[in-house]
Amino acid sequence: MEKQPVRVQLLTKKGESYQIKLPHLDIPVTVDSEIYQRMRNDPMYQFGNAVLA
């Protein structure tokens, strides 16, 4: 059985930090630019923009 990608929403960007919303958490998560870029390039994460569209 193939796993479905996790849908992630980009909420805000502040300097080198990004606030993202994961579907299984009630609060946003702050990640640095390196982690954010790794997640963007990983097929297990599907990104959408909530605010920065």
PDB file of N, CA and C in Angstrom:
ATOM      1  N   MET A   1       0.844  -1.182   0.000  1.00  0.00           N
ATOM      2  CA  MET A   1       0.000   0.000   0.000  1.00  0.00           C
ATOM      3  C   MET A   1       0.892   1.250   0.000  1.00  0.00           C
ATOM      4  N   GLU A   2       0.607   2.150  -0.914  1.00  0.00           N
ATOM      5  CA  GLU A   2       1.406   3.372  -1.032  1.00  0.00           C
ATOM      6  C   GLU A   2       0.885   4.446  -0.082  1.00  0.00           C
ATOM      7  N   LYS A   3       1.809   5.106   0.600  1.00  0.00           N
ATOM      8  CA  LYS A   3       1.424   6.176   1.522  1.00  0.00           C
ATOM      9  C   LYS A   3       1.070   7.433   0.746  1.00  0.00           C
ATOM     10  N   GLN A   4       0.077   8.162   1.245  1.00  0.00           N
ATOM     11  CA  GLN A   4      -0.314   9.438   0.655  1.00  0.00           C
ATOM     12  C   GLN A   4       0.574  10.538   1.212  1.00  0.00           C
ATOM     13  N   PRO A   5       0.903  11.559   0.412  1.00  0.00           N
ATOM     14  CA  PRO A   5       1.727  12.656   0.928  1.00  0.00           C
ATOM     15  C   PRO A   5       0.986  13.454   1.997  1.00  0.00           C
ATOM     16  N   VAL A   6       1.744  13.992   2.928  1.00  0.00           N
ATOM     17  CA  VAL A   6       1.196  14.828   3.996  1.00  0.00           C
ATOM     18  C   VAL A   6       0.999  16.228   3.433  1.00  0.00           C
ATOM     19  N   ARG A   7      -0.197  16.776   3.598  1.00  0.00           N
ATOM     20  CA  ARG A   7      -0.485  18.123   3.109  1.00  0.00           C
ATOM     21  C   ARG A   7      -0.021  19.139   4.150  1.00  0.00           C
ATOM     22  N   VAL A   8       0.861  20.026   3.732  1.00  0.00           N
ATOM     23  CA  VAL A   8       1.459  21.032   4.608  1.00  0.00           C
ATOM     24  C   VAL A   8       1.082  22.408   4.083  1.00  0.00           C
ATOM     25  N   GLN A   9       0.712  23.311   4.992  1.00  0.00           N
ATOM     26  CA  GLN A   9       0.416  24.689   4.604  1.00  0.00           C
ATOM     27  C   GLN A   9       1.515  25.603   5.113  1.00  0.00           C
ATOM     28  N   LEU A  10       2.011  26.452   4.232  1.00  0.00           N
ATOM     29  CA  LEU A  10       2.955  27.489   4.625  1.00  0.00           C
ATOM     30  C   LEU A  10       2.148  28.664   5.142  1.00  0.00           C
ATOM     31  N   LEU A  11       2.358  29.033   6.406  1.00  0.00           N
ATOM     32  CA  LEU A  11       1.607  30.130   7.006  1.00  0.00           C
ATOM     33  C   LEU A  11       2.338  31.455   6.855  1.00  0.00           C
ATOM     34  N   THR A  12       3.577  31.536   7.355  1.00  0.00           N
ATOM     35  CA  THR A  12       4.350  32.776   7.268  1.00  0.00           C
ATOM     36  C   THR A  12       5.834  32.470   7.137  1.00  0.00           C
ATOM     37  N   LYS A  13       6.560  33.473   6.677  1.00  0.00           N
ATOM     38  CA  LYS A  13       8.021  33.409   6.618  1.00  0.00           C
ATOM     39  C   LYS A  13       8.550  34.624   7.352  1.00  0.00           C
ATOM     40  N   LYS A  14       9.428  34.383   8.322  1.00  0.00           N
ATOM     41  CA  LYS A  14      10.047  35.464   9.091  1.00  0.00           C
ATOM     42  C   LYS A  14      11.549  35.250   9.063  1.00  0.00           C
ATOM     43  N   GLY A  15      12.241  36.056   8.269  1.00  0.00           N
ATOM     44  CA  GLY A  15      13.688  35.892   8.147  1.00  0.00           C
ATOM     45  C   GLY A  15      14.010  34.546   7.534  1.00  0.00           C
ATOM     46  N   GLU A  16      14.778  33.739   8.250  1.00  0.00           N
ATOM     47  CA  GLU A  16      15.151  32.404   7.781  1.00  0.00           C
ATOM     48  C   GLU A  16      14.251  31.316   8.352  1.00  0.00           C
ATOM     49  N   SER A  17      13.165  31.702   9.029  1.00  0.00           N
ATOM     50  CA  SER A  17      12.254  30.734   9.636  1.00  0.00           C
ATOM     51  C   SER A  17      10.920  30.708   8.899  1.00  0.00           C
ATOM     52  N   TYR A  18      10.315  29.545   8.881  1.00  0.00           N
ATOM     53  CA  TYR A  18       9.021  29.349   8.236  1.00  0.00           C
ATOM     54  C   TYR A  18       8.065  28.746   9.253  1.00  0.00           C
ATOM     55  N   GLN A  19       6.832  29.253   9.287  1.00  0.00           N
ATOM     56  CA  GLN A  19       5.802  28.632  10.106  1.00  0.00           C
ATOM     57  C   GLN A  19       4.936  27.804   9.177  1.00  0.00           C
ATOM     58  N   ILE A  20       4.820  26.515   9.500  1.00  0.00           N
ATOM     59  CA  ILE A  20       4.029  25.605   8.683  1.00  0.00           C
ATOM     60  C   ILE A  20       2.953  24.960   9.544  1.00  0.00           C
ATOM     61  N   LYS A  21       1.883  24.541   8.893  1.00  0.00           N
ATOM     62  CA  LYS A  21       0.777  23.872   9.569  1.00  0.00           C
ATOM     63  C   LYS A  21       0.710  22.445   9.053  1.00  0.00           C
ATOM     64  N   LEU A  22       0.822  21.501   9.981  1.00  0.00           N
ATOM     65  CA  LEU A  22       0.706  20.082   9.658  1.00  0.00           C
ATOM     66  C   LEU A  22      -0.694  19.606  10.024  1.00  0.00           C
ATOM     67  N   PRO A  23      -1.268  18.686   9.273  1.00  0.00           N
ATOM     68  CA  PRO A  23      -2.666  18.301   9.495  1.00  0.00           C
ATOM     69  C   PRO A  23      -2.943  17.634  10.840  1.00  0.00           C
ATOM     70  N   HIS A  24      -1.963  17.003  11.447  1.00  0.00           N
ATOM     71  CA  HIS A  24      -2.194  16.278  12.697  1.00  0.00           C
ATOM     72  C   HIS A  24      -1.850  17.100  13.943  1.00  0.00           C
ATOM     73  N   LEU A  25      -1.469  18.372  13.770  1.00  0.00           N
ATOM     74  CA  LEU A  25      -1.139  19.240  14.904  1.00  0.00           C
ATOM     75  C   LEU A  25      -2.058  20.455  14.926  1.00  0.00           C
ATOM     76  N   ASP A  26      -2.418  20.898  16.125  1.00  0.00           N
ATOM     77  CA  ASP A  26      -3.298  22.055  16.272  1.00  0.00           C
ATOM     78  C   ASP A  26      -2.554  23.380  16.229  1.00  0.00           C
ATOM     79  N   ILE A  27      -1.246  23.362  16.470  1.00  0.00           N
ATOM     80  CA  ILE A  27      -0.463  24.598  16.483  1.00  0.00           C
ATOM     81  C   ILE A  27       0.547  24.581  15.339  1.00  0.00           C
ATOM     82  N   PRO A  28       0.933  25.754  14.823  1.00  0.00           N
ATOM     83  CA  PRO A  28       1.937  25.795  13.759  1.00  0.00           C
ATOM     84  C   PRO A  28       3.314  25.380  14.269  1.00  0.00           C
ATOM     85  N   VAL A  29       4.130  24.902  13.354  1.00  0.00           N
ATOM     86  CA  VAL A  29       5.494  24.481  13.657  1.00  0.00           C
ATOM     87  C   VAL A  29       6.444  25.439  12.954  1.00  0.00           C
ATOM     88  N   THR A  30       7.500  25.884  13.651  1.00  0.00           N
ATOM     89  CA  THR A  30       8.509  26.750  13.055  1.00  0.00           C
ATOM     90  C   THR A  30       9.715  25.905  12.674  1.00  0.00           C
ATOM     91  N   VAL A  31      10.124  26.020  11.412  1.00  0.00           N
ATOM     92  CA  VAL A  31      11.292  25.295  10.920  1.00  0.00           C
ATOM     93  C   VAL A  31      12.253  26.282  10.275  1.00  0.00           C
ATOM     94  N   ASP A  32      13.540  25.924  10.250  1.00  0.00           N
ATOM     95  CA  ASP A  32      14.516  26.800   9.594  1.00  0.00           C
ATOM     96  C   ASP A  32      14.510  26.530   8.090  1.00  0.00           C
ATOM     97  N   SER A  33      15.239  27.336   7.348  1.00  0.00           N
ATOM     98  CA  SER A  33      15.198  27.252   5.887  1.00  0.00           C
ATOM     99  C   SER A  33      15.730  25.914   5.364  1.00  0.00           C
ATOM    100  N   GLU A  34      16.709  25.320   6.050  1.00  0.00           N
ATOM    101  CA  GLU A  34      17.250  24.032   5.601  1.00  0.00           C
ATOM    102  C   GLU A  34      16.196  22.930   5.688  1.00  0.00           C
ATOM    103  N   ILE A  35      15.509  22.856   6.824  1.00  0.00           N
ATOM    104  CA  ILE A  35      14.458  21.842   6.997  1.00  0.00           C
ATOM    105  C   ILE A  35      13.316  22.100   6.018  1.00  0.00           C
ATOM    106  N   TYR A  36      12.944  23.363   5.860  1.00  0.00           N
ATOM    107  CA  TYR A  36      11.871  23.713   4.932  1.00  0.00           C
ATOM    108  C   TYR A  36      12.207  23.252   3.509  1.00  0.00           C
ATOM    109  N   GLN A  37      13.424  23.516   3.041  1.00  0.00           N
ATOM    110  CA  GLN A  37      13.820  23.118   1.690  1.00  0.00           C
ATOM    111  C   GLN A  37      13.860  21.591   1.548  1.00  0.00           C
ATOM    112  N   ARG A  38      14.297  20.897   2.577  1.00  0.00           N
ATOM    113  CA  ARG A  38      14.293  19.424   2.540  1.00  0.00           C
ATOM    114  C   ARG A  38      12.866  18.895   2.414  1.00  0.00           C
ATOM    115  N   MET A  39      11.952  19.499   3.171  1.00  0.00           N
ATOM    116  CA  MET A  39      10.552  19.079   3.103  1.00  0.00           C
ATOM    117  C   MET A  39       9.960  19.387   1.731  1.00  0.00           C
ATOM    118  N   ARG A  40      10.295  20.549   1.157  1.00  0.00           N
ATOM    119  CA  ARG A  40       9.783  20.936  -0.168  1.00  0.00           C
ATOM    120  C   ARG A  40      10.239  19.951  -1.244  1.00  0.00           C
ATOM    121  N   ASN A  41      11.442  19.413  -1.094  1.00  0.00           N
ATOM    122  CA  ASN A  41      11.990  18.490  -2.086  1.00  0.00           C
ATOM    123  C   ASN A  41      11.616  17.031  -1.833  1.00  0.00           C
ATOM    124  N   ASP A  42      10.970  16.756  -0.712  1.00  0.00           N
ATOM    125  CA  ASP A  42      10.584  15.393  -0.357  1.00  0.00           C
ATOM    126  C   ASP A  42       9.176  15.107  -0.903  1.00  0.00           C
ATOM    127  N   PRO A  43       9.009  14.044  -1.686  1.00  0.00           N
ATOM    128  CA  PRO A  43       7.682  13.745  -2.241  1.00  0.00           C
ATOM    129  C   PRO A  43       6.644  13.347  -1.191  1.00  0.00           C
ATOM    130  N   MET A  44       7.072  13.106   0.039  1.00  0.00           N
ATOM    131  CA  MET A  44       6.114  12.751   1.095  1.00  0.00           C
ATOM    132  C   MET A  44       5.378  13.967   1.660  1.00  0.00           C
ATOM    133  N   TYR A  45       5.771  15.175   1.249  1.00  0.00           N
ATOM    134  CA  TYR A  45       5.106  16.400   1.698  1.00  0.00           C
ATOM    135  C   TYR A  45       4.552  17.136   0.489  1.00  0.00           C
ATOM    136  N   GLN A  46       3.295  17.544   0.586  1.00  0.00           N
ATOM    137  CA  GLN A  46       2.659  18.309  -0.477  1.00  0.00           C
ATOM    138  C   GLN A  46       2.311  19.675   0.097  1.00  0.00           C
ATOM    139  N   PHE A  47       2.924  20.729  -0.453  1.00  0.00           N
ATOM    140  CA  PHE A  47       2.769  22.069   0.093  1.00  0.00           C
ATOM    141  C   PHE A  47       1.680  22.851  -0.612  1.00  0.00           C
ATOM    142  N   GLY A  48       1.006  23.671   0.182  1.00  0.00           N
ATOM    143  CA  GLY A  48       0.049  24.648  -0.311  1.00  0.00           C
ATOM    144  C   GLY A  48       0.254  25.917   0.483  1.00  0.00           C
ATOM    145  N   ASN A  49      -0.143  27.044  -0.080  1.00  0.00           N
ATOM    146  CA  ASN A  49       0.009  28.326   0.604  1.00  0.00           C
ATOM    147  C   ASN A  49      -1.304  28.739   1.234  1.00  0.00           C
ATOM    148  N   ALA A  50      -1.280  29.084   2.500  1.00  0.00           N
ATOM    149  CA  ALA A  50      -2.469  29.590   3.169  1.00  0.00           C
ATOM    150  C   ALA A  50      -2.533  31.105   3.043  1.00  0.00           C
ATOM    151  N   VAL A  51      -1.384  31.777   3.171  1.00  0.00           N
ATOM    152  CA  VAL A  51      -1.360  33.236   3.232  1.00  0.00           C
ATOM    153  C   VAL A  51      -0.560  33.852   2.094  1.00  0.00           C
ATOM    154  N   LEU A  52       0.542  33.246   1.730  1.00  0.00           N
ATOM    155  CA  LEU A  52       1.492  33.872   0.818  1.00  0.00           C
ATOM    156  C   LEU A  52       1.179  33.626  -0.656  1.00  0.00           C
ATOM    157  N   ALA A  53      -0.052  33.312  -0.994  1.00  0.00           N
ATOM    158  CA  ALA A  53      -0.413  33.018  -2.391  1.00  0.00           C
ATOM    159  C   ALA A  53      -0.366  34.243  -3.269  1.00  0.00           C
TER     160      ALA A  53
END
